[in-house]
N, C-alpha and C. Protein backbone atom coordinates (compact mmCIF):
# COMPACT_ATOMS: atom_id res chain seq x y z
N MET A 1 21.27 13.58 -5.33
CA MET A 1 20.36 12.72 -4.76
C MET A 1 20.86 11.40 -5.61
N ASN A 2 21.63 10.82 -4.65
CA ASN A 2 22.22 9.37 -5.06
C ASN A 2 21.30 8.26 -5.08
N GLY A 3 21.64 6.99 -5.88
CA GLY A 3 20.84 5.93 -5.29
C GLY A 3 21.24 4.66 -6.10
N SER A 4 21.27 3.68 -5.43
CA SER A 4 21.69 2.34 -6.08
C SER A 4 20.56 1.32 -5.74
N THR A 5 20.84 -0.02 -6.66
CA THR A 5 19.84 -0.81 -6.21
C THR A 5 20.59 -2.45 -5.96
N HIS A 6 19.82 -2.68 -5.04
CA HIS A 6 20.41 -4.24 -4.42
C HIS A 6 19.56 -5.26 -5.21
N SER A 7 19.82 -6.39 -5.23
CA SER A 7 18.94 -7.23 -5.86
C SER A 7 18.18 -8.19 -5.05
N VAL A 8 18.21 -8.00 -3.69
CA VAL A 8 17.98 -8.89 -2.88
C VAL A 8 16.47 -7.95 -2.31
N ALA A 9 15.63 -8.86 -2.65
CA ALA A 9 13.79 -8.31 -2.14
C ALA A 9 13.91 -7.03 -2.46
N ASN A 10 14.36 -6.51 -3.75
CA ASN A 10 13.73 -5.01 -4.08
C ASN A 10 14.47 -4.03 -3.06
N VAL A 11 15.70 -4.08 -2.64
CA VAL A 11 16.33 -3.20 -1.60
C VAL A 11 16.90 -2.13 -2.32
N VAL A 12 16.73 -0.43 -2.15
CA VAL A 12 17.48 0.50 -2.78
C VAL A 12 18.09 1.47 -1.70
N ASP A 13 19.18 1.87 -2.00
CA ASP A 13 19.62 3.29 -1.06
C ASP A 13 18.99 4.12 -1.90
N ILE A 14 18.81 5.16 -0.84
CA ILE A 14 18.31 6.46 -1.55
C ILE A 14 19.05 7.73 -0.55
N GLN A 15 19.57 8.59 -1.42
CA GLN A 15 20.31 9.66 -0.68
C GLN A 15 19.36 10.89 -0.72
N LEU A 16 18.72 11.53 0.63
CA LEU A 16 18.29 12.79 0.54
C LEU A 16 19.13 13.88 1.23
N LYS A 17 18.26 14.97 0.84
CA LYS A 17 18.99 16.06 1.87
C LYS A 17 17.98 16.63 2.47
N ARG A 18 18.32 16.92 3.73
CA ARG A 18 16.87 17.30 4.56
C ARG A 18 16.66 18.88 3.99
N GLY A 19 15.19 19.12 3.85
CA GLY A 19 14.74 20.23 3.52
C GLY A 19 14.58 21.52 4.54
N PRO A 20 13.75 22.54 4.26
CA PRO A 20 13.45 23.55 5.37
C PRO A 20 12.32 22.66 6.28
N SER A 21 11.27 21.58 5.83
CA SER A 21 10.42 20.87 6.69
C SER A 21 10.95 19.70 6.86
N GLY A 22 12.18 19.22 6.94
CA GLY A 22 12.93 18.05 7.19
C GLY A 22 13.21 16.91 5.94
N LEU A 23 12.66 15.73 6.24
CA LEU A 23 12.77 14.91 5.31
C LEU A 23 11.45 14.67 4.43
N GLY A 24 10.20 15.23 4.89
CA GLY A 24 9.09 15.06 3.82
C GLY A 24 8.72 13.94 3.89
N PHE A 25 8.68 13.22 5.31
CA PHE A 25 7.61 11.81 5.17
C PHE A 25 7.57 11.55 6.51
N ASN A 26 6.40 10.74 6.95
CA ASN A 26 6.16 10.38 8.05
C ASN A 26 6.42 8.80 8.35
N ILE A 27 6.68 8.01 9.36
CA ILE A 27 7.09 6.84 9.53
C ILE A 27 5.50 6.04 10.76
N VAL A 28 5.63 4.99 10.56
CA VAL A 28 4.85 4.13 11.50
C VAL A 28 5.69 2.72 11.81
N GLY A 29 5.37 1.99 12.59
CA GLY A 29 6.25 0.59 13.03
C GLY A 29 7.27 0.94 14.27
N GLY A 30 7.55 -0.45 14.58
CA GLY A 30 8.55 -0.34 15.45
C GLY A 30 8.09 -1.77 16.46
N VAL A 31 8.86 -2.11 17.21
CA VAL A 31 8.70 -3.18 18.06
C VAL A 31 7.29 -2.74 18.87
N ASP A 32 6.93 -1.56 19.29
CA ASP A 32 5.86 -1.45 20.10
C ASP A 32 4.68 -0.74 19.51
N GLN A 33 4.96 -0.66 18.12
CA GLN A 33 3.80 -0.21 17.31
C GLN A 33 3.84 -0.92 15.97
N GLN A 34 3.42 -2.48 15.96
CA GLN A 34 3.38 -2.92 14.69
C GLN A 34 2.51 -2.41 13.71
N TYR A 35 2.97 -2.06 12.54
CA TYR A 35 2.17 -1.79 11.33
C TYR A 35 1.77 -2.80 10.24
N VAL A 36 3.07 -3.79 10.25
CA VAL A 36 2.40 -4.92 9.45
C VAL A 36 2.28 -6.26 10.40
N VAL A 37 1.74 -7.11 10.26
CA VAL A 37 1.63 -8.15 11.05
C VAL A 37 2.82 -9.31 10.86
N ASN A 38 3.39 -9.50 12.29
CA ASN A 38 4.45 -10.14 12.38
C ASN A 38 5.91 -9.44 11.91
N ASP A 39 6.11 -8.12 11.61
CA ASP A 39 6.88 -7.37 11.31
C ASP A 39 7.06 -6.20 12.19
N ASN A 40 8.41 -5.91 12.74
CA ASN A 40 8.69 -4.78 13.46
C ASN A 40 9.16 -3.68 12.87
N GLY A 41 9.39 -4.03 11.47
CA GLY A 41 9.78 -2.72 10.81
C GLY A 41 9.49 -1.46 10.83
N ILE A 42 10.00 -0.25 10.22
CA ILE A 42 9.52 0.74 10.15
C ILE A 42 9.21 1.22 8.68
N TYR A 43 7.89 1.89 8.49
CA TYR A 43 7.33 1.86 7.12
C TYR A 43 7.27 3.50 6.98
N VAL A 44 7.27 3.81 5.85
CA VAL A 44 6.85 5.05 5.44
C VAL A 44 5.30 5.16 5.29
N CYS A 45 4.88 6.19 6.06
CA CYS A 45 2.87 6.16 5.70
C CYS A 45 2.58 7.29 5.13
N LYS A 46 3.37 8.15 5.00
CA LYS A 46 2.75 9.60 4.30
C LYS A 46 4.17 10.29 3.80
N ILE A 47 4.06 10.73 2.42
CA ILE A 47 4.83 11.40 1.92
C ILE A 47 4.27 12.94 1.78
N LYS A 48 5.04 14.06 2.38
CA LYS A 48 4.52 15.05 2.27
C LYS A 48 4.84 15.84 1.02
N GLU A 49 3.72 16.57 0.58
CA GLU A 49 3.79 17.24 -0.82
C GLU A 49 4.86 18.54 -0.60
N ASN A 50 5.67 18.38 -1.61
CA ASN A 50 6.68 19.17 -2.00
C ASN A 50 8.16 19.36 -0.78
N GLY A 51 7.86 18.03 -0.04
CA GLY A 51 9.06 17.81 0.94
C GLY A 51 10.29 17.28 0.31
N ALA A 52 11.37 16.95 0.62
CA ALA A 52 12.63 16.20 0.32
C ALA A 52 12.26 14.94 -0.53
N ALA A 53 11.66 14.05 0.10
CA ALA A 53 11.24 12.77 -0.25
C ALA A 53 10.24 12.88 -1.46
N ALA A 54 9.42 13.83 -1.78
CA ALA A 54 8.65 14.03 -2.43
C ALA A 54 9.20 14.36 -3.73
N LEU A 55 9.96 15.44 -3.87
CA LEU A 55 10.69 16.05 -4.61
C LEU A 55 11.80 15.05 -5.57
N ASP A 56 12.54 14.20 -4.61
CA ASP A 56 13.27 13.35 -4.93
C ASP A 56 12.43 12.09 -5.80
N GLY A 57 11.23 11.77 -5.21
CA GLY A 57 10.26 10.69 -6.16
C GLY A 57 10.72 9.50 -6.09
N ARG A 58 11.64 8.93 -5.32
CA ARG A 58 11.74 7.88 -5.19
C ARG A 58 11.12 6.73 -3.97
N LEU A 59 11.13 7.44 -2.81
CA LEU A 59 10.56 6.63 -1.56
C LEU A 59 8.93 6.99 -1.71
N GLU A 60 8.23 5.70 -1.32
CA GLU A 60 6.83 5.98 -1.71
C GLU A 60 6.31 5.31 -0.07
N GLU A 61 5.15 5.78 0.01
CA GLU A 61 4.34 5.23 0.95
C GLU A 61 4.26 3.63 0.98
N GLY A 62 4.58 2.95 2.11
CA GLY A 62 4.28 1.67 2.06
C GLY A 62 5.83 0.84 2.13
N ASP A 63 6.84 1.91 1.65
CA ASP A 63 8.44 1.28 1.67
C ASP A 63 8.87 0.87 3.23
N LYS A 64 9.30 0.07 3.27
CA LYS A 64 10.28 -0.28 4.51
C LYS A 64 11.41 0.33 4.65
N ILE A 65 11.74 1.07 5.79
CA ILE A 65 12.88 1.79 5.84
C ILE A 65 14.02 0.73 6.51
N LEU A 66 15.13 0.32 6.12
CA LEU A 66 15.60 -1.01 6.85
C LEU A 66 16.82 -0.18 7.67
N ALA A 67 17.29 1.10 7.13
CA ALA A 67 18.56 1.43 7.70
C ALA A 67 18.85 3.15 7.52
N ILE A 68 19.17 3.82 8.34
CA ILE A 68 19.59 5.19 8.05
C ILE A 68 21.05 5.43 8.41
N ASN A 69 21.56 5.82 7.45
CA ASN A 69 23.00 6.31 7.73
C ASN A 69 23.74 5.16 8.45
N GLY A 70 23.30 3.91 7.80
CA GLY A 70 24.20 2.72 8.25
C GLY A 70 23.38 2.23 9.76
N ASN A 71 22.71 2.87 10.18
CA ASN A 71 22.14 2.24 11.48
C ASN A 71 20.78 1.48 10.97
N LYS A 72 20.79 0.10 11.44
CA LYS A 72 19.43 -0.44 11.03
C LYS A 72 18.53 -0.43 12.19
N LEU A 73 17.08 -0.08 11.40
CA LEU A 73 16.12 -0.09 12.28
C LEU A 73 15.42 -1.33 12.79
N GLU A 74 16.07 -2.29 12.51
CA GLU A 74 15.10 -3.32 12.90
C GLU A 74 15.37 -3.63 14.39
N ASN A 75 14.22 -3.97 15.09
CA ASN A 75 14.01 -4.28 16.29
C ASN A 75 14.31 -2.95 17.08
N ARG A 76 13.77 -1.81 16.72
CA ARG A 76 13.69 -0.53 17.48
C ARG A 76 12.24 -0.28 17.93
N ASN A 77 12.00 0.24 18.63
CA ASN A 77 10.71 0.91 19.07
C ASN A 77 10.45 2.27 18.11
N HIS A 78 9.45 2.47 18.33
CA HIS A 78 9.27 3.84 17.11
C HIS A 78 9.81 5.06 17.59
N GLY A 79 9.66 5.46 18.96
CA GLY A 79 10.60 6.54 19.30
C GLY A 79 11.97 6.56 19.13
N ALA A 80 12.62 5.45 19.27
CA ALA A 80 14.09 5.37 18.98
C ALA A 80 14.58 5.58 17.28
N ALA A 81 13.51 5.01 16.48
CA ALA A 81 13.62 5.22 15.15
C ALA A 81 13.34 6.70 14.70
N VAL A 82 12.63 7.47 15.47
CA VAL A 82 12.16 8.97 15.15
C VAL A 82 13.23 9.51 15.54
N ASP A 83 14.05 9.30 16.80
CA ASP A 83 15.19 9.56 17.34
C ASP A 83 16.47 9.85 16.33
N LEU A 84 16.36 8.79 15.42
CA LEU A 84 17.59 8.51 14.65
C LEU A 84 17.29 9.08 13.34
N PHE A 85 15.97 9.43 12.66
CA PHE A 85 16.03 10.34 11.82
C PHE A 85 16.05 11.83 12.41
N ARG A 86 15.88 12.22 13.54
CA ARG A 86 15.91 13.72 13.91
C ARG A 86 17.48 13.81 13.94
N THR A 87 18.07 12.96 14.17
CA THR A 87 19.71 13.37 14.71
C THR A 87 20.58 12.90 13.57
N ALA A 88 19.93 12.51 12.46
CA ALA A 88 20.76 12.13 10.97
C ALA A 88 21.52 12.98 10.62
N GLY A 89 21.31 14.17 10.82
CA GLY A 89 22.42 15.57 9.86
C GLY A 89 21.44 15.84 8.83
N GLU A 90 22.10 16.27 7.95
CA GLU A 90 21.58 16.92 6.65
C GLU A 90 21.39 16.32 5.65
N ASP A 91 22.53 15.31 5.04
CA ASP A 91 22.53 14.31 4.34
C ASP A 91 22.50 13.15 4.81
N ILE A 92 21.35 12.42 4.12
CA ILE A 92 20.81 10.99 4.90
C ILE A 92 20.84 9.95 3.58
N LEU A 93 21.29 9.00 4.30
CA LEU A 93 21.32 7.40 3.33
C LEU A 93 20.44 6.69 4.05
N LEU A 94 19.37 6.44 3.28
CA LEU A 94 18.40 5.28 3.71
C LEU A 94 18.52 4.04 3.09
N ARG A 95 18.78 2.81 3.62
CA ARG A 95 18.16 1.59 2.65
C ARG A 95 16.88 1.15 3.02
N VAL A 96 16.25 1.15 1.83
CA VAL A 96 14.70 1.11 1.45
C VAL A 96 14.50 -0.52 0.86
N GLN A 97 13.58 -0.90 1.61
CA GLN A 97 12.86 -2.25 0.67
C GLN A 97 11.70 -1.64 0.32
N LYS A 98 11.47 -1.68 -1.31
CA LYS A 98 10.48 -1.10 -1.63
C LYS A 98 8.97 -1.70 -1.49
N LYS A 99 7.93 -1.41 -1.55
CA LYS A 99 6.75 -1.93 -0.95
C LYS A 99 6.15 -3.02 -1.71
N HIS A 100 5.40 -3.59 -1.04
CA HIS A 100 4.98 -4.94 -1.29
C HIS A 100 3.60 -5.17 -0.72
N PRO A 101 2.64 -6.11 -1.07
CA PRO A 101 1.25 -5.75 -0.30
C PRO A 101 0.98 -6.89 0.88
N PRO A 102 1.66 -6.02 2.03
CA PRO A 102 1.57 -7.16 3.58
C PRO A 102 0.09 -6.80 4.00
N HIS A 103 0.08 -7.69 4.94
CA HIS A 103 -1.26 -7.78 5.64
C HIS A 103 -1.01 -6.60 6.60
N ARG A 104 -1.76 -5.57 6.65
CA ARG A 104 -1.52 -4.58 7.94
C ARG A 104 -2.53 -4.31 9.08
N ASN A 105 -1.89 -3.95 9.92
CA ASN A 105 -2.55 -3.60 11.21
C ASN A 105 -3.18 -2.15 11.13
N GLY A 106 -4.51 -2.12 11.62
CA GLY A 106 -4.77 -0.60 11.41
C GLY A 106 -5.59 -0.65 10.27
N PRO A 107 -6.08 1.08 10.02
CA PRO A 107 -6.68 1.55 8.64
C PRO A 107 -5.77 1.01 7.55
N SER A 108 -6.83 0.88 6.70
CA SER A 108 -6.32 0.40 5.02
C SER A 108 -6.69 1.53 4.22
N SER A 109 -6.47 1.50 3.26
CA SER A 109 -6.80 2.51 2.09
C SER A 109 -8.11 1.87 1.55
N PRO A 110 -8.88 2.62 0.73
CA PRO A 110 -10.25 2.01 0.38
C PRO A 110 -10.19 1.08 -0.93
N ASP A 111 -8.95 0.95 -1.48
CA ASP A 111 -8.51 0.20 -2.62
C ASP A 111 -7.95 -1.24 -2.09
N ALA A 112 -7.68 -1.42 -0.75
CA ALA A 112 -6.89 -2.47 -0.39
C ALA A 112 -7.60 -3.75 0.04
N GLY A 113 -8.91 -3.78 -0.38
CA GLY A 113 -9.76 -4.91 -0.27
C GLY A 113 -10.95 -4.60 0.36
N GLY A 114 -11.51 -5.54 1.19
CA GLY A 114 -12.64 -5.07 1.60
C GLY A 114 -13.66 -5.91 0.63
N ASP A 115 -15.00 -5.10 0.91
CA ASP A 115 -15.91 -5.33 -0.06
C ASP A 115 -15.59 -4.73 -1.40
N SER A 116 -16.09 -5.74 -2.51
CA SER A 116 -15.74 -5.38 -3.70
C SER A 116 -16.80 -5.31 -4.41
N PRO A 117 -17.27 -4.48 -5.53
CA PRO A 117 -18.41 -4.29 -6.17
C PRO A 117 -18.58 -5.49 -7.17
N VAL A 118 -17.06 -6.01 -7.45
CA VAL A 118 -17.22 -6.97 -8.60
C VAL A 118 -18.08 -7.98 -8.44
N PRO A 119 -17.81 -8.70 -7.26
CA PRO A 119 -18.65 -10.17 -7.10
C PRO A 119 -20.07 -9.58 -7.34
N HIS A 120 -20.21 -8.36 -6.86
CA HIS A 120 -21.85 -8.45 -6.68
C HIS A 120 -22.33 -7.93 -8.23
N LEU A 121 -21.63 -7.37 -9.11
CA LEU A 121 -21.80 -7.23 -10.19
C LEU A 121 -22.06 -8.57 -10.92
N GLY A 122 -21.18 -9.52 -10.73
CA GLY A 122 -21.15 -10.83 -11.57
C GLY A 122 -22.58 -11.45 -11.30
N VAL A 123 -23.13 -11.35 -10.17
CA VAL A 123 -24.47 -11.91 -9.35
C VAL A 123 -25.39 -11.30 -10.09
N LEU A 124 -25.28 -9.92 -10.21
CA LEU A 124 -26.21 -9.04 -11.13
C LEU A 124 -26.40 -9.35 -12.47
N VAL A 125 -25.21 -9.85 -13.02
CA VAL A 125 -25.05 -10.19 -14.54
C VAL A 125 -25.78 -11.22 -14.73
N GLY A 126 -25.53 -12.12 -13.89
CA GLY A 126 -26.08 -13.80 -14.08
C GLY A 126 -27.38 -13.63 -13.73
N VAL A 127 -28.07 -12.84 -12.89
CA VAL A 127 -29.51 -12.75 -12.75
C VAL A 127 -30.21 -12.06 -14.08
N LEU A 128 -29.82 -10.98 -14.16
CA LEU A 128 -30.49 -10.36 -15.47
C LEU A 128 -30.33 -11.27 -16.93
N GLY A 129 -28.99 -12.20 -17.10
CA GLY A 129 -28.98 -12.93 -18.18
C GLY A 129 -30.24 -14.02 -17.89
N ALA A 130 -30.11 -14.71 -16.84
CA ALA A 130 -31.16 -15.70 -16.51
C ALA A 130 -32.80 -15.06 -16.75
N ALA A 131 -32.68 -13.77 -16.33
CA ALA A 131 -34.42 -13.02 -16.31
C ALA A 131 -34.57 -12.99 -18.02
N ALA A 132 -33.65 -12.66 -18.79
CA ALA A 132 -33.57 -12.48 -20.23
C ALA A 132 -33.88 -13.70 -20.92
N VAL A 133 -33.44 -14.61 -20.72
CA VAL A 133 -33.36 -16.07 -21.34
C VAL A 133 -34.72 -16.28 -20.98
N LEU A 134 -35.43 -16.00 -19.76
CA LEU A 134 -36.58 -16.59 -19.36
C LEU A 134 -37.72 -15.92 -20.10
N ALA A 135 -37.64 -14.58 -20.21
CA ALA A 135 -38.57 -13.60 -20.87
C ALA A 135 -38.19 -14.01 -22.61
N PHE A 136 -37.18 -14.36 -23.18
CA PHE A 136 -37.23 -14.85 -24.29
C PHE A 136 -38.29 -16.13 -24.33
N LEU A 137 -37.83 -17.03 -23.84
CA LEU A 137 -38.54 -18.40 -23.72
C LEU A 137 -39.98 -17.91 -23.63
N TYR A 138 -40.70 -17.25 -22.90
CA TYR A 138 -42.01 -17.04 -22.58
C TYR A 138 -42.61 -16.15 -23.84
N VAL A 139 -42.06 -15.32 -24.29
CA VAL A 139 -42.57 -14.80 -25.41
C VAL A 139 -42.48 -15.71 -26.70
N ARG A 140 -41.52 -16.42 -26.87
CA ARG A 140 -41.44 -17.43 -27.80
C ARG A 140 -42.35 -18.61 -27.91
N PHE A 141 -42.58 -19.17 -26.76
CA PHE A 141 -43.40 -20.07 -26.71
C PHE A 141 -44.87 -19.97 -25.90
N GLN A 142 -45.20 -18.60 -25.93
CA GLN A 142 -46.79 -18.34 -25.16
C GLN A 142 -47.63 -18.84 -26.05
N PRO A 143 -47.65 -18.67 -27.52
CA PRO A 143 -48.67 -18.99 -28.52
C PRO A 143 -48.75 -20.74 -28.18
N GLN A 144 -47.89 -21.42 -27.75
CA GLN A 144 -48.23 -22.91 -27.74
C GLN A 144 -48.50 -23.16 -26.16
N LEU A 145 -48.32 -22.39 -25.23
CA LEU A 145 -48.66 -22.59 -23.91
C LEU A 145 -50.34 -22.40 -23.89
N ARG A 146 -50.67 -21.40 -24.39
CA ARG A 146 -52.11 -21.08 -24.59
C ARG A 146 -53.05 -22.27 -25.18
N ARG A 147 -52.30 -22.97 -26.16
CA ARG A 147 -53.13 -24.07 -26.55
C ARG A 147 -53.18 -25.28 -25.72
N HIS A 148 -52.51 -25.53 -25.02
CA HIS A 148 -52.52 -26.54 -23.90
C HIS A 148 -53.19 -26.24 -22.55
N PHE A 149 -53.61 -25.10 -22.30
CA PHE A 149 -54.43 -24.73 -21.36
C PHE A 149 -55.95 -24.45 -21.74
């Protein structure tokens, strides 16, 4: 398994050998099925356990596949990209742009944003802190309050 790194935007070449169950990953995207907003690219959406990609360890979910065996995937529809993978042969060279946090269309992982419990926790801590201060002040100054009424 060969690999080289290109300094431009985290681009790497990954050499994979097709295994008994193929390359061991699924793809999404294309001009007809945009996965990332304003990007027609092809992305890795799942690495199959014990597949060629998983055993190699360099390809990750969310990586963008720029080319397969020198054939650029830019501006291709999903079906055409799948056909390139199916007919690529046994030894495959992938040019890959390593993942970054883009804005995705469709479902996202639970940790990819949404309602985070952290802001709620901050509010809760603030309210509890204020309640503790008020309780302290009440207990501290209760004898003085009774004298005035």
